[in-house]
Amino acid sequence: MAQHAESTHYVPENLPEKIQHFIDGAFVDSVSGATFDVLDPVSNETYVQAAAGQKEDIDLAVAAAKRAFESGPWPRMKPRERARILNRIADAVEAQDARLAELETFDTGLPITQALGQAQRAAENFRFFADLIVAQADDAYKVPGSQLNYVNRKPIGVAGLITPWNTPFMLESWKLAPALATGNTVVLKPAEFTPLSASLWAEIFRGAGVPDGVFNLVNGLGEEAGDALVKHPDVPLISFTGESRTGQIIFANAAPFLKGLSMELGGKSPAVVFADADLDAAIDSTLFGVFSLNGERCTAGSRILGERAVYDEFCERYAALEKNIVVGDPHEKTTEVGALVHPEHYEKVMSYVEIGKQEGRLLAGGGRPAGLDTGNYVAPTVFADVKPDARIFQEEIFGPVVAITPFDSDEEALQLANGVRYGLAAYIWTSDLERAHTFAQNVEAGMVWLNSHNVRDLRTPFGGVKASGLGHEGGYRSIDFYTDQQAVHITLGPVHTARFGATEHQPEEAAEAAEDAGDA
């Protein structure tokens, strides 16, 4: 069984008395006065009331964002001007990273050391896009003596950003940074389970010099505030991170407006361990890959496929290390797995643990850690000999639960890896270079890591296939999503156009003009 520390109820100082919306440069309550309870995951007690946004609150936020886009300075600033402000945002995030991590840990149950890393990554997201918008180059083509063609990028308008409750502050930065960098205005709807850290953006942006109306924040439930944002006719872009079923609903609701959509959805990612792999590195990486961030990560390698020759050794060593994982108070620096985000999610994960006991061989974990009687604690849980039709093999659990399955050939491994509805990430462990690249190119995943855990350069695309998403963000893909690419064509020299309606012309003139037109 995993190690544990007695759970304490640490409460950060200076928590807000209430959480409000931020609309057009001001903190405001909901028009209706509606609120919802926010719990901390260690005690499951309500620690604050948050404003519950409804359609009328979304309408006010979108109207403010639209005014700021149509008549404000933000879209009209030179890239260097916006970049300076983005860098000031990054400076402010870095200056208070310890406070951000403290609040994030309290609100989400993430271990404090991992929350600190997320705060630092959030600052880096803003620095990255500050650099990118200054350095970016767009296409230009010249047809000698005939035509010049170039691409003019333009911000699109109001971007609706809907973010999840796992690592919320960092994932909000992931959307906010490129949306703002490219000159759009935004309405952010954070997850209702974890609104605390999102409320800090308002002061950070105001202090950095972001004009009123450019950034707007509406808290609330997905089926109320989120639904109204998706359906709003003045919001042409929706970027959503969350589970696949919600993504399907958003897709349907956005369809009548033909909105631009970027959706990073669920995952059930395979980690494939071949017999020739560096087993020590593979075990360390696959443990970290599913149990870090409490297992609440979209790219978790929650299905481990082990080649038969090393399968038994892998399972034995993996389970032995699970027993050393420290589960406990998220604010303790020694904690490796904290409390799950909310009692509803805890019940979901525990239901899968019980299902797994009927579908696989329990090697470790399997319930609440001894001594942690309150809070949403689940012991890191390992199931072996899991069949490919098992629910714990097929369905996203989003918690510290892993299923291990043996395979006998490369072909079987690929079939197992691709045998689910998801396709977000994949991890491959082998010393055979040809196999590594061949397998990577055939696995149905938007992202593949070879002999590596989940580390990613911000320039690379992030996104999935199948039920794991629609579109890509990251680097220039984010710039593409948040801008319209307008093609401008300039004719150089005399214009040759077919003279329709001319009383006298030669047939060869029309043929020459059609050839010059190019698209005839």
Protein backbone atom coordinates (compact mmCIF):
# COMPACT_ATOMS: atom_id res chain seq x y z
CA MET A 1 0.00 0.00 0.00
CA ALA A 2 1.18 3.52 -0.76
CA GLN A 3 2.63 5.55 2.06
CA HIS A 4 0.49 8.28 3.53
CA ALA A 5 0.66 11.26 5.82
CA GLU A 6 -2.11 12.36 8.13
CA SER A 7 -4.39 14.80 6.32
CA THR A 8 -4.46 18.30 7.75
CA HIS A 9 -6.83 21.08 6.87
CA TYR A 10 -4.46 23.81 5.74
CA VAL A 11 -6.25 27.01 4.75
CA PRO A 12 -4.27 29.77 2.99
CA GLU A 13 -4.42 33.26 4.42
CA ASN A 14 -6.40 36.07 2.81
CA LEU A 15 -8.87 33.94 0.88
CA PRO A 16 -11.50 36.05 -0.89
CA GLU A 17 -14.81 36.56 0.88
CA LYS A 18 -16.59 35.85 -2.40
CA ILE A 19 -15.65 35.15 -6.02
CA GLN A 20 -17.16 37.52 -8.58
CA HIS A 21 -17.24 37.92 -12.33
CA PHE A 22 -14.91 40.43 -14.00
CA ILE A 23 -16.68 42.32 -16.78
CA ASP A 24 -15.49 45.45 -18.59
CA GLY A 25 -12.82 46.20 -16.00
CA ALA A 26 -14.97 45.72 -12.88
CA PHE A 27 -15.70 42.93 -10.41
CA VAL A 28 -19.45 42.28 -10.37
CA ASP A 29 -21.97 39.84 -8.95
CA SER A 30 -24.40 37.95 -11.17
CA VAL A 31 -27.31 40.04 -12.38
CA SER A 32 -29.64 37.57 -10.67
CA GLY A 33 -27.51 37.40 -7.54
CA ALA A 34 -27.13 33.62 -8.01
CA THR A 35 -24.13 31.87 -6.44
CA PHE A 36 -22.74 28.36 -6.05
CA ASP A 37 -20.66 26.65 -3.38
CA VAL A 38 -16.95 26.05 -3.85
CA LEU A 39 -15.40 23.20 -1.83
CA ASP A 40 -11.83 22.47 -0.87
CA PRO A 41 -11.00 18.82 -1.62
CA VAL A 42 -9.27 18.00 1.67
CA SER A 43 -12.24 18.79 3.90
CA ASN A 44 -15.02 18.90 1.26
CA GLU A 45 -16.33 21.93 3.13
CA THR A 46 -17.60 25.06 1.39
CA TYR A 47 -14.97 27.77 1.73
CA VAL A 48 -16.46 30.46 -0.53
CA GLN A 49 -19.47 31.36 -2.66
CA ALA A 50 -18.88 32.13 -6.32
CA ALA A 51 -21.12 34.15 -8.61
CA ALA A 52 -23.11 31.81 -10.83
CA GLY A 53 -23.21 33.29 -14.31
CA GLN A 54 -26.35 33.05 -16.42
CA LYS A 55 -27.15 34.12 -19.97
CA GLU A 56 -27.53 37.77 -18.97
CA ASP A 57 -24.04 37.80 -17.43
CA ILE A 58 -22.54 36.25 -20.54
CA ASP A 59 -24.39 38.84 -22.63
CA LEU A 60 -22.79 41.68 -20.64
CA ALA A 61 -19.31 40.13 -20.89
CA VAL A 62 -19.58 39.51 -24.63
CA ALA A 63 -20.89 43.05 -25.21
CA ALA A 64 -17.90 44.47 -23.34
CA ALA A 65 -15.48 42.26 -25.27
CA LYS A 66 -17.10 43.20 -28.57
CA ARG A 67 -16.83 46.94 -27.81
CA ALA A 68 -13.18 46.52 -26.85
CA PHE A 69 -12.52 44.68 -30.11
CA GLU A 70 -14.40 47.02 -32.41
CA SER A 71 -13.39 50.38 -30.96
CA GLY A 72 -10.65 49.78 -28.39
CA PRO A 73 -6.89 49.96 -28.86
CA TRP A 74 -6.03 46.29 -28.27
CA PRO A 75 -6.48 44.83 -31.79
CA ARG A 76 -4.81 47.91 -33.28
CA MET A 77 -1.65 47.79 -31.22
CA LYS A 78 1.58 46.84 -32.92
CA PRO A 79 2.72 43.31 -32.01
CA ARG A 80 5.62 44.73 -30.00
CA GLU A 81 3.22 46.78 -27.86
CA ARG A 82 1.08 43.76 -27.05
CA ALA A 83 4.24 41.70 -26.44
CA ARG A 84 5.43 44.17 -23.78
CA ILE A 85 2.13 43.75 -21.95
CA LEU A 86 2.27 39.96 -22.24
CA ASN A 87 5.76 39.99 -20.73
CA ARG A 88 4.52 42.13 -17.85
CA ILE A 89 1.81 39.51 -17.29
CA ALA A 90 4.49 36.81 -17.19
CA ASP A 91 6.53 38.89 -14.73
CA ALA A 92 3.51 39.23 -12.44
CA VAL A 93 2.79 35.50 -12.56
CA GLU A 94 6.39 34.64 -11.76
CA ALA A 95 6.50 37.16 -8.91
CA GLN A 96 3.62 35.45 -7.14
CA ASP A 97 4.16 31.84 -8.21
CA ALA A 98 4.30 30.61 -4.62
CA ARG A 99 0.97 32.26 -3.81
CA LEU A 100 -0.58 30.96 -7.02
CA ALA A 101 0.60 27.44 -6.22
CA GLU A 102 -0.76 27.70 -2.66
CA LEU A 103 -4.20 28.72 -3.91
CA GLU A 104 -4.19 26.15 -6.72
CA THR A 105 -3.29 23.37 -4.32
CA PHE A 106 -6.01 24.42 -1.88
CA ASP A 107 -8.62 24.59 -4.65
CA THR A 108 -7.68 21.47 -6.64
CA GLY A 109 -5.90 19.07 -4.27
CA LEU A 110 -2.80 18.98 -6.48
CA PRO A 111 0.50 18.45 -4.63
CA ILE A 112 2.14 21.80 -3.93
CA THR A 113 5.38 20.97 -5.75
CA GLN A 114 3.45 20.11 -8.91
CA ALA A 115 1.22 23.18 -8.61
CA LEU A 116 4.32 25.37 -8.44
CA GLY A 117 5.53 23.94 -11.72
CA GLN A 118 2.16 24.73 -13.32
CA ALA A 119 2.38 28.38 -12.21
CA GLN A 120 5.82 28.69 -13.76
CA ARG A 121 4.60 27.09 -16.97
CA ALA A 122 1.77 29.64 -17.11
CA ALA A 123 4.30 32.49 -17.11
CA GLU A 124 6.29 30.78 -19.85
CA ASN A 125 3.15 30.53 -22.03
CA PHE A 126 2.83 34.32 -22.03
CA ARG A 127 6.53 34.84 -22.73
CA PHE A 128 6.41 32.38 -25.59
CA PHE A 129 3.55 34.08 -27.39
CA ALA A 130 5.01 37.52 -26.70
CA ASP A 131 8.09 36.38 -28.62
CA LEU A 132 6.11 34.62 -31.33
CA ILE A 133 3.91 37.53 -32.38
CA VAL A 134 6.95 39.78 -32.78
CA ALA A 135 9.01 37.21 -34.69
CA GLN A 136 6.29 35.62 -36.83
CA ALA A 137 6.52 35.89 -40.60
CA ASP A 138 3.66 35.37 -43.04
CA ASP A 139 3.68 34.01 -46.57
CA ALA A 140 4.41 36.21 -49.58
CA TYR A 141 4.67 34.99 -53.18
CA LYS A 142 5.75 36.82 -56.29
CA VAL A 143 4.96 35.83 -59.85
CA PRO A 144 7.71 37.76 -61.69
CA GLY A 145 6.32 40.59 -63.75
CA SER A 146 2.76 39.53 -63.10
CA GLN A 147 1.53 39.40 -59.52
CA LEU A 148 2.42 39.75 -55.82
CA ASN A 149 0.48 37.72 -53.25
CA TYR A 150 0.75 38.02 -49.49
CA VAL A 151 -1.08 36.90 -46.32
CA ASN A 152 -2.55 39.50 -43.98
CA ARG A 153 -3.38 38.06 -40.55
CA LYS A 154 -6.24 39.66 -38.63
CA PRO A 155 -7.66 38.95 -35.18
CA ILE A 156 -11.13 37.44 -35.43
CA GLY A 157 -13.09 38.99 -32.56
CA VAL A 158 -14.39 37.72 -29.23
CA ALA A 159 -12.92 34.34 -28.23
CA GLY A 160 -14.87 32.19 -25.80
CA LEU A 161 -12.48 30.19 -23.61
CA ILE A 162 -13.85 27.28 -21.56
CA THR A 163 -11.27 25.65 -19.30
CA PRO A 164 -11.14 22.51 -17.10
CA TRP A 165 -10.55 21.99 -13.39
CA ASN A 166 -7.28 20.07 -13.66
CA THR A 167 -4.27 22.44 -13.54
CA PRO A 168 -6.73 25.30 -14.19
CA PHE A 169 -4.41 28.32 -14.00
CA MET A 170 -1.87 26.87 -16.42
CA LEU A 171 -4.52 25.69 -18.88
CA GLU A 172 -6.19 29.10 -18.75
CA SER A 173 -2.85 30.68 -19.67
CA TRP A 174 -2.57 28.25 -22.56
CA LYS A 175 -5.66 29.80 -24.16
CA LEU A 176 -5.43 33.37 -22.87
CA ALA A 177 -1.88 33.98 -24.08
CA PRO A 178 -2.38 33.25 -27.81
CA ALA A 179 -5.90 34.67 -27.92
CA LEU A 180 -4.72 38.01 -26.50
CA ALA A 181 -1.37 38.00 -28.30
CA THR A 182 -3.10 37.92 -31.68
CA GLY A 183 -5.34 40.89 -30.82
CA ASN A 184 -8.61 39.20 -29.90
CA THR A 185 -10.69 39.99 -26.84
CA VAL A 186 -11.85 37.17 -24.58
CA VAL A 187 -14.54 35.85 -22.28
CA LEU A 188 -13.17 33.15 -19.97
CA LYS A 189 -15.50 30.61 -18.34
CA PRO A 190 -13.42 28.60 -15.84
CA ALA A 191 -14.49 25.26 -14.40
CA GLU A 192 -16.97 25.56 -11.57
CA PHE A 193 -15.05 23.16 -9.31
CA THR A 194 -11.94 25.39 -9.30
CA PRO A 195 -12.64 29.12 -9.76
CA LEU A 196 -10.14 30.42 -7.20
CA SER A 197 -6.97 30.92 -9.20
CA ALA A 198 -8.86 32.20 -12.27
CA SER A 199 -10.03 35.18 -10.23
CA LEU A 200 -6.39 36.34 -9.99
CA TRP A 201 -6.13 37.02 -13.73
CA ALA A 202 -8.16 40.23 -13.48
CA GLU A 203 -5.69 42.07 -11.25
CA ILE A 204 -2.71 40.62 -13.11
CA PHE A 205 -4.03 41.87 -16.45
CA ARG A 206 -5.11 45.25 -15.09
CA GLY A 207 -1.70 45.80 -13.52
CA ALA A 208 0.03 44.86 -16.78
CA GLY A 209 -1.94 47.43 -18.78
CA VAL A 210 -4.58 45.31 -20.53
CA PRO A 211 -7.42 47.73 -21.46
CA ASP A 212 -10.87 47.29 -19.92
CA GLY A 213 -13.13 44.91 -21.82
CA VAL A 214 -10.29 42.94 -23.40
CA PHE A 215 -10.39 40.29 -20.65
CA ASN A 216 -13.71 39.24 -19.15
CA LEU A 217 -14.40 36.41 -16.71
CA VAL A 218 -17.75 34.79 -16.00
CA ASN A 219 -17.95 32.00 -13.45
CA GLY A 220 -20.73 29.45 -13.46
CA LEU A 221 -21.93 26.01 -14.41
CA GLY A 222 -21.17 24.57 -17.81
CA GLU A 223 -24.82 23.98 -18.66
CA GLU A 224 -25.64 27.62 -17.84
CA ALA A 225 -22.74 30.05 -18.36
CA GLY A 226 -20.78 27.76 -20.67
CA ASP A 227 -23.83 26.95 -22.77
CA ALA A 228 -24.71 30.63 -23.15
CA LEU A 229 -21.16 31.46 -24.24
CA VAL A 230 -21.13 28.72 -26.89
CA LYS A 231 -24.50 29.82 -28.28
CA HIS A 232 -23.78 33.55 -28.30
CA PRO A 233 -23.91 34.90 -31.87
CA ASP A 234 -21.17 37.48 -31.22
CA VAL A 235 -18.57 34.88 -30.18
CA PRO A 236 -17.01 33.47 -33.39
CA LEU A 237 -14.38 31.31 -31.64
CA ILE A 238 -14.68 28.67 -28.93
CA SER A 239 -11.64 26.97 -27.41
CA PHE A 240 -12.63 24.18 -25.03
CA THR A 241 -10.69 21.69 -22.94
CA GLY A 242 -12.71 19.00 -21.19
CA GLU A 243 -14.36 15.65 -21.56
CA SER A 244 -15.47 14.23 -24.89
CA ARG A 245 -19.23 14.16 -24.24
CA THR A 246 -19.24 17.87 -23.40
CA GLY A 247 -17.22 18.46 -26.57
CA GLN A 248 -19.96 16.76 -28.61
CA ILE A 249 -22.59 19.05 -27.07
CA ILE A 250 -20.48 22.13 -27.80
CA PHE A 251 -19.92 20.95 -31.38
CA ALA A 252 -23.69 20.67 -31.91
CA ASN A 253 -24.52 24.00 -30.28
CA ALA A 254 -21.82 25.85 -32.23
CA ALA A 255 -22.87 24.37 -35.58
CA PRO A 256 -25.72 26.82 -36.40
CA PHE A 257 -23.24 29.70 -36.13
CA LEU A 258 -20.38 27.95 -37.98
CA LYS A 259 -18.03 28.95 -35.16
CA GLY A 260 -14.35 28.19 -35.18
CA LEU A 261 -13.74 25.34 -32.74
CA SER A 262 -10.63 24.03 -31.03
CA MET A 263 -11.34 21.21 -28.60
CA GLU A 264 -8.90 19.15 -26.58
CA LEU A 265 -10.95 16.32 -25.15
CA GLY A 266 -10.51 13.06 -23.25
CA GLY A 267 -7.80 10.46 -23.47
CA LYS A 268 -6.99 6.85 -22.70
CA SER A 269 -3.39 6.93 -23.78
CA PRO A 270 -1.26 3.79 -24.15
CA ALA A 271 2.29 3.39 -22.86
CA VAL A 272 3.84 0.54 -24.86
CA VAL A 273 6.83 -1.16 -23.24
CA PHE A 274 8.79 -3.52 -25.49
CA ALA A 275 11.17 -6.16 -24.14
CA ASP A 276 14.23 -4.26 -25.41
CA ALA A 277 13.29 -1.07 -23.56
CA ASP A 278 15.29 0.55 -20.77
CA LEU A 279 13.04 -0.99 -18.13
CA ASP A 280 14.19 1.27 -15.30
CA ALA A 281 13.38 4.41 -17.30
CA ALA A 282 10.11 2.97 -18.58
CA ILE A 283 8.90 2.11 -15.08
CA ASP A 284 9.80 5.51 -13.68
CA SER A 285 8.14 7.31 -16.58
CA THR A 286 4.95 5.25 -16.61
CA LEU A 287 4.55 5.66 -12.84
CA PHE A 288 4.94 9.42 -13.16
CA GLY A 289 2.78 9.51 -16.28
CA VAL A 290 -0.35 8.21 -14.59
CA PHE A 291 0.08 9.17 -10.91
CA SER A 292 1.41 12.74 -11.18
CA LEU A 293 -1.23 15.47 -10.99
CA ASN A 294 -3.30 12.91 -9.04
CA GLY A 295 -3.93 11.07 -12.31
CA GLU A 296 -6.19 13.95 -13.34
CA ARG A 297 -4.45 14.64 -16.64
CA CYS A 298 -5.70 14.22 -20.19
CA THR A 299 -2.41 12.79 -21.47
CA ALA A 300 -2.02 10.22 -18.66
CA GLY A 301 -0.59 6.90 -19.84
CA SER A 302 -3.42 5.05 -18.14
CA ARG A 303 -3.08 1.89 -20.25
CA ILE A 304 0.31 0.17 -20.06
CA LEU A 305 0.97 -2.49 -22.67
CA GLY A 306 3.87 -4.75 -21.74
CA GLU A 307 5.62 -7.27 -24.00
CA ARG A 308 5.27 -10.79 -22.61
CA ALA A 309 9.01 -11.36 -22.11
CA VAL A 310 9.23 -8.56 -19.53
CA TYR A 311 5.58 -8.40 -18.45
CA ASP A 312 5.84 -10.21 -15.12
CA GLU A 313 8.99 -8.36 -14.09
CA PHE A 314 7.45 -5.04 -15.09
CA CYS A 315 4.26 -5.68 -13.11
CA GLU A 316 6.15 -6.79 -10.00
CA ARG A 317 8.52 -3.82 -9.99
CA TYR A 318 5.77 -1.34 -10.87
CA ALA A 319 3.55 -2.48 -8.00
CA ALA A 320 6.48 -2.43 -5.57
CA LEU A 321 7.20 1.21 -6.38
CA GLU A 322 3.53 2.11 -5.98
CA LYS A 323 3.87 1.17 -2.32
CA ASN A 324 6.42 3.97 -1.87
CA ILE A 325 4.24 6.73 -3.36
CA VAL A 326 3.37 9.28 -0.69
CA VAL A 327 -0.33 10.11 -0.56
CA GLY A 328 -1.45 12.89 1.75
CA ASP A 329 -1.87 16.56 2.47
CA PRO A 330 -1.41 18.41 -0.85
CA HIS A 331 0.41 21.25 0.92
CA GLU A 332 3.21 18.97 2.19
CA LYS A 333 6.28 19.04 -0.06
CA THR A 334 6.78 15.28 0.33
CA THR A 335 3.29 14.50 -1.04
CA GLU A 336 3.26 12.90 -4.49
CA VAL A 337 -0.50 12.21 -4.79
CA GLY A 338 -2.98 14.56 -3.14
CA ALA A 339 -6.77 14.70 -2.95
CA LEU A 340 -9.02 14.45 -6.00
CA VAL A 341 -10.75 17.67 -6.94
CA HIS A 342 -14.34 17.10 -5.80
CA PRO A 343 -16.53 14.47 -4.09
CA GLU A 344 -18.43 13.86 -7.34
CA HIS A 345 -15.21 13.02 -9.13
CA TYR A 346 -13.99 10.95 -6.18
CA GLU A 347 -17.13 8.81 -6.39
CA LYS A 348 -16.62 8.33 -10.13
CA VAL A 349 -13.01 7.21 -9.73
CA MET A 350 -13.86 4.89 -6.82
CA SER A 351 -16.63 3.30 -8.89
CA TYR A 352 -14.03 2.42 -11.54
CA VAL A 353 -11.78 0.97 -8.85
CA GLU A 354 -14.59 -1.39 -7.88
CA ILE A 355 -15.25 -2.25 -11.53
CA GLY A 356 -11.55 -2.96 -11.96
CA LYS A 357 -11.58 -5.53 -9.18
CA GLN A 358 -13.88 -7.60 -11.39
CA GLU A 359 -11.94 -6.96 -14.59
CA GLY A 360 -8.28 -7.28 -13.62
CA ARG A 361 -5.82 -8.57 -11.04
CA LEU A 362 -5.35 -5.96 -8.32
CA LEU A 363 -1.63 -5.47 -7.69
CA ALA A 364 -1.69 -2.34 -5.53
CA GLY A 365 -4.05 0.24 -4.07
CA GLY A 366 -7.72 -0.37 -4.59
CA GLY A 367 -9.37 2.03 -2.16
CA ARG A 368 -8.95 4.88 0.28
CA PRO A 369 -5.51 5.02 1.91
CA ALA A 370 -5.51 4.01 5.57
CA GLY A 371 -5.37 6.97 7.93
CA LEU A 372 -6.87 9.43 5.44
CA ASP A 373 -10.48 9.21 6.48
CA THR A 374 -11.70 12.55 5.13
CA GLY A 375 -11.09 14.23 1.82
CA ASN A 376 -11.07 12.84 -1.71
CA TYR A 377 -8.10 10.50 -1.36
CA VAL A 378 -7.65 7.46 -3.61
CA ALA A 379 -4.64 5.18 -3.26
CA PRO A 380 -2.68 4.81 -6.52
CA THR A 381 -4.24 1.67 -7.97
CA VAL A 382 -2.67 -0.89 -10.32
CA PHE A 383 -4.58 -3.59 -12.21
CA ALA A 384 -2.82 -6.26 -14.27
CA ASP A 385 -4.04 -8.79 -16.85
CA VAL A 386 -6.72 -6.38 -18.06
CA LYS A 387 -8.58 -7.52 -21.20
CA PRO A 388 -9.03 -5.06 -24.07
CA ASP A 389 -12.83 -5.12 -23.74
CA ALA A 390 -12.74 -4.20 -20.04
CA ARG A 391 -14.26 -0.88 -19.05
CA ILE A 392 -11.09 0.15 -17.21
CA PHE A 393 -9.21 -0.44 -20.49
CA GLN A 394 -11.72 1.42 -22.68
CA GLU A 395 -13.06 4.29 -20.57
CA GLU A 396 -11.35 7.41 -19.26
CA ILE A 397 -11.12 7.28 -15.45
CA PHE A 398 -9.14 10.50 -14.92
CA GLY A 399 -7.65 9.43 -11.63
CA PRO A 400 -4.72 7.47 -10.15
CA VAL A 401 -5.73 4.15 -11.71
CA VAL A 402 -3.74 2.20 -14.31
CA ALA A 403 -4.52 -0.93 -16.35
CA ILE A 404 -1.66 -3.21 -17.49
CA THR A 405 -2.13 -5.61 -20.41
CA PRO A 406 0.34 -8.07 -22.01
CA PHE A 407 1.09 -8.43 -25.72
CA ASP A 408 3.11 -10.90 -27.81
CA SER A 409 3.93 -9.06 -31.06
CA ASP A 410 4.28 -5.60 -32.56
CA GLU A 411 1.04 -6.16 -34.47
CA GLU A 412 -0.88 -7.04 -31.33
CA ALA A 413 0.59 -4.06 -29.47
CA LEU A 414 -0.55 -1.70 -32.22
CA GLN A 415 -4.02 -3.26 -32.28
CA LEU A 416 -4.33 -2.84 -28.50
CA ALA A 417 -2.97 0.72 -28.59
CA ASN A 418 -5.49 1.74 -31.25
CA GLY A 419 -8.38 -0.28 -29.83
CA VAL A 420 -10.14 2.54 -27.97
CA ARG A 421 -12.22 5.53 -29.07
CA TYR A 422 -9.60 8.02 -27.88
CA GLY A 423 -6.40 9.17 -29.57
CA LEU A 424 -4.66 11.91 -27.63
CA ALA A 425 -1.19 10.65 -26.68
CA ALA A 426 0.98 7.54 -26.83
CA TYR A 427 4.27 6.59 -25.18
CA ILE A 428 6.60 4.02 -26.73
CA TRP A 429 9.56 2.39 -25.03
CA THR A 430 12.03 0.49 -27.21
CA SER A 431 15.70 0.61 -28.19
CA ASP A 432 14.86 -0.37 -31.80
CA LEU A 433 14.91 2.87 -33.79
CA GLU A 434 13.06 1.45 -36.80
CA ARG A 435 10.33 -0.02 -34.60
CA ALA A 436 10.01 3.23 -32.64
CA HIS A 437 9.36 5.37 -35.71
CA THR A 438 7.21 2.80 -37.50
CA PHE A 439 5.02 2.29 -34.42
CA ALA A 440 4.80 6.03 -33.77
CA GLN A 441 3.58 6.73 -37.29
CA ASN A 442 0.93 4.00 -37.14
CA VAL A 443 -0.45 4.62 -33.68
CA GLU A 444 -3.68 6.65 -33.63
CA ALA A 445 -2.58 9.52 -31.42
CA GLY A 446 -2.15 13.25 -31.89
CA MET A 447 1.10 13.21 -29.92
CA VAL A 448 3.71 10.48 -29.44
CA TRP A 449 6.61 10.34 -27.02
CA LEU A 450 9.45 7.91 -27.77
CA ASN A 451 11.45 6.79 -24.72
CA SER A 452 10.23 9.88 -22.88
CA HIS A 453 7.60 11.06 -20.48
CA ASN A 454 5.30 13.98 -21.21
CA VAL A 455 7.64 16.89 -21.96
CA ARG A 456 6.72 19.25 -24.78
CA ASP A 457 8.25 22.19 -26.61
CA LEU A 458 5.70 25.02 -26.84
CA ARG A 459 6.34 25.33 -30.58
CA THR A 460 4.84 21.90 -31.30
CA PRO A 461 1.15 21.19 -32.01
CA PHE A 462 -1.03 19.90 -29.18
CA GLY A 463 -4.20 17.98 -29.96
CA GLY A 464 -5.75 14.59 -30.48
CA VAL A 465 -7.60 12.45 -33.00
CA LYS A 466 -10.81 10.43 -32.82
CA ALA A 467 -12.75 11.26 -29.63
CA SER A 468 -9.77 13.14 -28.18
CA GLY A 469 -10.26 16.39 -29.98
CA LEU A 470 -10.75 18.68 -32.90
CA GLY A 471 -7.93 20.84 -34.24
CA HIS A 472 -4.57 21.70 -32.73
CA GLU A 473 -3.16 24.52 -30.65
CA GLY A 474 0.40 25.34 -29.68
CA GLY A 475 2.95 27.46 -31.50
CA TYR A 476 1.85 28.64 -34.93
CA ARG A 477 -1.25 26.41 -34.75
CA SER A 478 -2.57 28.70 -32.02
CA ILE A 479 -1.80 31.73 -34.18
CA ASP A 480 -3.69 30.07 -37.03
CA PHE A 481 -6.74 29.38 -34.86
CA TYR A 482 -7.01 32.86 -33.38
CA THR A 483 -6.50 34.77 -36.66
CA ASP A 484 -8.08 35.03 -40.09
CA GLN A 485 -5.56 34.57 -42.88
CA GLN A 486 -6.55 37.00 -45.59
CA ALA A 487 -4.90 36.54 -48.98
CA VAL A 488 -4.13 39.81 -50.77
CA HIS A 489 -3.31 39.73 -54.52
CA ILE A 490 -1.76 42.65 -56.38
CA THR A 491 -1.35 42.68 -60.15
CA LEU A 492 1.97 44.02 -61.41
CA GLY A 493 1.98 45.59 -64.86
CA PRO A 494 -0.80 45.65 -67.44
CA VAL A 495 -4.08 43.91 -66.59
CA HIS A 496 -5.20 41.24 -69.03
CA THR A 497 -8.90 40.54 -68.61
CA ALA A 498 -11.26 38.87 -71.05
CA ARG A 499 -13.28 41.72 -72.55
CA PHE A 500 -16.82 40.51 -71.97
CA GLY A 501 -19.30 42.72 -73.75
CA ALA A 502 -16.76 44.32 -76.07
CA THR A 503 -18.13 44.87 -79.55
CA GLU A 504 -14.89 43.89 -81.23
CA HIS A 505 -12.24 41.54 -79.93
CA GLN A 506 -10.23 38.64 -81.14
CA PRO A 507 -10.83 35.11 -79.72
CA GLU A 508 -7.15 34.77 -78.93
CA GLU A 509 -7.40 37.81 -76.59
CA ALA A 510 -9.97 36.02 -74.42
CA ALA A 511 -7.84 32.88 -74.30
CA GLU A 512 -4.74 34.88 -73.28
CA ALA A 513 -6.67 36.71 -70.55
CA ALA A 514 -8.10 33.45 -69.20
CA GLU A 515 -4.62 31.97 -69.03
CA ASP A 516 -3.35 35.01 -67.09
CA ALA A 517 -6.24 34.72 -64.62
CA GLY A 518 -4.89 31.39 -63.45
CA ASP A 519 -8.18 30.04 -62.03
CA ALA A 520 -10.08 29.87 -65.32
